[in-house]
Amino acid sequence: MTGFGSDVPLVIDTSAWNRQSEPSVRDRWWAALGAGELAACPISTLEILAVAPDEKAFAAFDRALSALPEAPVTVAVCRSALSASRALRGSRRLPVADYLVAAAAAERGFGVLHQDRHFDILATVLGFESVRLDKAA
């Protein structure tokens, strides 16, 4: 793999999407995108679309994300997210969306590309590859 040094596709978290234009990220983002290394999840897609500044941006974001492989949210993903919550025993107050994105990625054998410590915690109980933008190769 090229862009972020992972051997598996990476589900884009909103925290990564929001930083894709930063100079330290941009070239790796485009390399990963061109190599087919990025994936979407309906949960993060909903978060990204919700903050689109206008209809034109909404349509562009929707097209871009719809073109990617997807880590769907299934009944098994929901069960896995609940299991992760139980494993963490409420000691970590993490966003529901992050549990679902992480569980969806794990179910498909994908990683998560992010800039959010929540995914590092979730990786310990769900067993997916957690790739932080600021630490990616």
Protein backbone atom coordinates (compact mmCIF):
# COMPACT_ATOMS: atom_id res chain seq x y z
CA MET A 1 0.00 0.00 0.00
CA THR A 2 1.15 3.53 -0.65
CA GLY A 3 -0.53 6.55 0.95
CA PHE A 4 -0.69 5.76 4.65
CA GLY A 5 1.44 2.64 4.99
CA SER A 6 -1.38 0.20 5.60
CA ASP A 7 -1.83 -3.22 4.02
CA VAL A 8 -5.63 -3.01 4.27
CA PRO A 9 -8.20 -0.51 2.99
CA LEU A 10 -8.81 2.33 5.43
CA VAL A 11 -12.25 3.63 6.32
CA ILE A 12 -12.18 7.42 6.32
CA ASP A 13 -13.25 8.94 9.62
CA THR A 14 -14.59 12.48 9.64
CA SER A 15 -11.47 13.62 11.51
CA ALA A 16 -9.34 12.45 8.55
CA TRP A 17 -11.71 13.83 5.90
CA ASN A 18 -11.53 17.26 7.50
CA ARG A 19 -7.72 17.27 7.19
CA GLN A 20 -7.28 15.88 3.68
CA SER A 21 -6.27 19.29 2.27
CA GLU A 22 -3.57 19.97 4.85
CA PRO A 23 -0.12 20.12 3.23
CA SER A 24 1.21 17.28 5.41
CA VAL A 25 -1.67 15.02 4.35
CA ARG A 26 -2.66 16.02 0.80
CA ASP A 27 -0.11 14.02 -1.25
CA ARG A 28 -0.58 10.86 0.82
CA TRP A 29 -4.37 11.25 0.61
CA TRP A 30 -4.30 11.45 -3.19
CA ALA A 31 -1.86 8.53 -3.42
CA ALA A 32 -4.08 6.38 -1.21
CA LEU A 33 -7.20 7.42 -3.10
CA GLY A 34 -5.58 6.67 -6.46
CA ALA A 35 -4.43 3.26 -5.24
CA GLY A 36 -7.92 2.33 -4.04
CA GLU A 37 -6.84 2.27 -0.39
CA LEU A 38 -9.62 4.42 1.06
CA ALA A 39 -13.10 3.22 2.00
CA ALA A 40 -16.30 4.76 3.29
CA CYS A 41 -18.76 3.88 6.04
CA PRO A 42 -22.35 5.17 6.03
CA ILE A 43 -21.87 6.61 9.53
CA SER A 44 -18.90 8.80 8.66
CA THR A 45 -20.48 9.62 5.29
CA LEU A 46 -23.53 10.97 7.14
CA GLU A 47 -21.28 13.04 9.41
CA ILE A 48 -19.34 14.44 6.45
CA LEU A 49 -22.45 15.25 4.43
CA ALA A 50 -24.07 16.92 7.44
CA VAL A 51 -21.38 19.60 7.52
CA ALA A 52 -21.19 20.26 3.78
CA PRO A 53 -21.26 24.05 3.47
CA ASP A 54 -23.67 24.13 0.54
CA GLU A 55 -25.53 21.96 -1.98
CA LYS A 56 -22.63 21.92 -4.43
CA ALA A 57 -20.23 20.65 -1.77
CA PHE A 58 -22.83 18.14 -0.56
CA ALA A 59 -23.14 16.71 -4.08
CA ALA A 60 -19.34 16.60 -4.54
CA PHE A 61 -18.77 14.92 -1.17
CA ASP A 62 -21.57 12.45 -1.86
CA ARG A 63 -20.12 11.51 -5.27
CA ALA A 64 -16.61 11.09 -3.87
CA LEU A 65 -17.69 8.94 -0.94
CA SER A 66 -20.16 6.87 -2.96
CA ALA A 67 -17.37 5.87 -5.35
CA LEU A 68 -15.36 4.20 -2.56
CA PRO A 69 -15.61 0.63 -1.30
CA GLU A 70 -17.86 0.52 1.73
CA ALA A 71 -17.81 -0.92 5.22
CA PRO A 72 -21.56 -1.23 5.80
CA VAL A 73 -23.32 -1.07 9.14
CA THR A 74 -24.95 -4.45 9.61
CA VAL A 75 -26.67 -6.15 12.53
CA ALA A 76 -23.35 -7.90 13.24
CA VAL A 77 -21.59 -4.52 13.27
CA CYS A 78 -24.10 -3.18 15.80
CA ARG A 79 -23.57 -6.24 17.99
CA SER A 80 -19.81 -5.82 17.73
CA ALA A 81 -20.07 -2.14 18.69
CA LEU A 82 -22.15 -3.09 21.74
CA SER A 83 -19.64 -5.78 22.64
CA ALA A 84 -16.83 -3.22 22.43
CA SER A 85 -18.78 -0.90 24.71
CA ARG A 86 -19.20 -3.70 27.22
CA ALA A 87 -15.52 -4.62 26.98
CA LEU A 88 -14.60 -1.03 27.79
CA ARG A 89 -17.13 -1.21 30.66
CA GLY A 90 -18.21 2.37 30.22
CA SER A 91 -14.77 3.52 31.34
CA ARG A 92 -14.40 5.37 28.06
CA ARG A 93 -17.09 7.75 26.91
CA LEU A 94 -16.69 7.48 23.19
CA PRO A 95 -19.03 8.76 20.49
CA VAL A 96 -21.56 6.20 19.28
CA ALA A 97 -20.56 6.96 15.69
CA ASP A 98 -16.96 5.97 16.43
CA TYR A 99 -18.03 2.61 17.86
CA LEU A 100 -20.03 1.92 14.69
CA VAL A 101 -17.34 3.08 12.24
CA ALA A 102 -14.71 1.01 14.07
CA ALA A 103 -16.92 -2.09 14.20
CA ALA A 104 -17.83 -1.75 10.51
CA ALA A 105 -14.16 -1.49 9.56
CA ALA A 106 -13.26 -4.47 11.75
CA GLU A 107 -16.01 -6.62 10.25
CA ARG A 108 -14.63 -6.07 6.74
CA GLY A 109 -10.98 -6.48 7.77
CA PHE A 110 -10.38 -2.78 7.09
CA GLY A 111 -8.54 -0.22 9.18
CA VAL A 112 -9.64 3.28 10.12
CA LEU A 113 -7.84 6.45 8.98
CA HIS A 114 -8.35 9.15 11.58
CA GLN A 115 -6.96 11.91 13.74
CA ASP A 116 -8.93 10.94 16.82
CA ARG A 117 -7.65 9.03 19.86
CA HIS A 118 -11.00 7.25 20.19
CA PHE A 119 -10.04 4.87 17.41
CA ASP A 120 -6.79 3.93 19.13
CA ILE A 121 -8.87 2.88 22.15
CA LEU A 122 -11.45 1.03 20.05
CA ALA A 123 -8.72 -0.85 18.17
CA THR A 124 -7.69 -2.50 21.44
CA VAL A 125 -11.06 -4.25 21.74
CA LEU A 126 -12.14 -4.59 18.10
CA GLY A 127 -8.83 -5.62 16.55
CA PHE A 128 -8.72 -3.34 13.48
CA GLU A 129 -5.74 -1.30 12.28
CA SER A 130 -5.86 2.22 13.67
CA VAL A 131 -3.97 4.65 11.41
CA ARG A 132 -3.53 8.21 12.67
CA LEU A 133 -2.82 10.89 10.09
CA ASP A 134 -0.09 12.43 12.23
CA LYS A 135 1.70 9.07 12.60
CA ALA A 136 1.08 7.48 9.20
CA ALA A 137 4.09 6.55 7.10
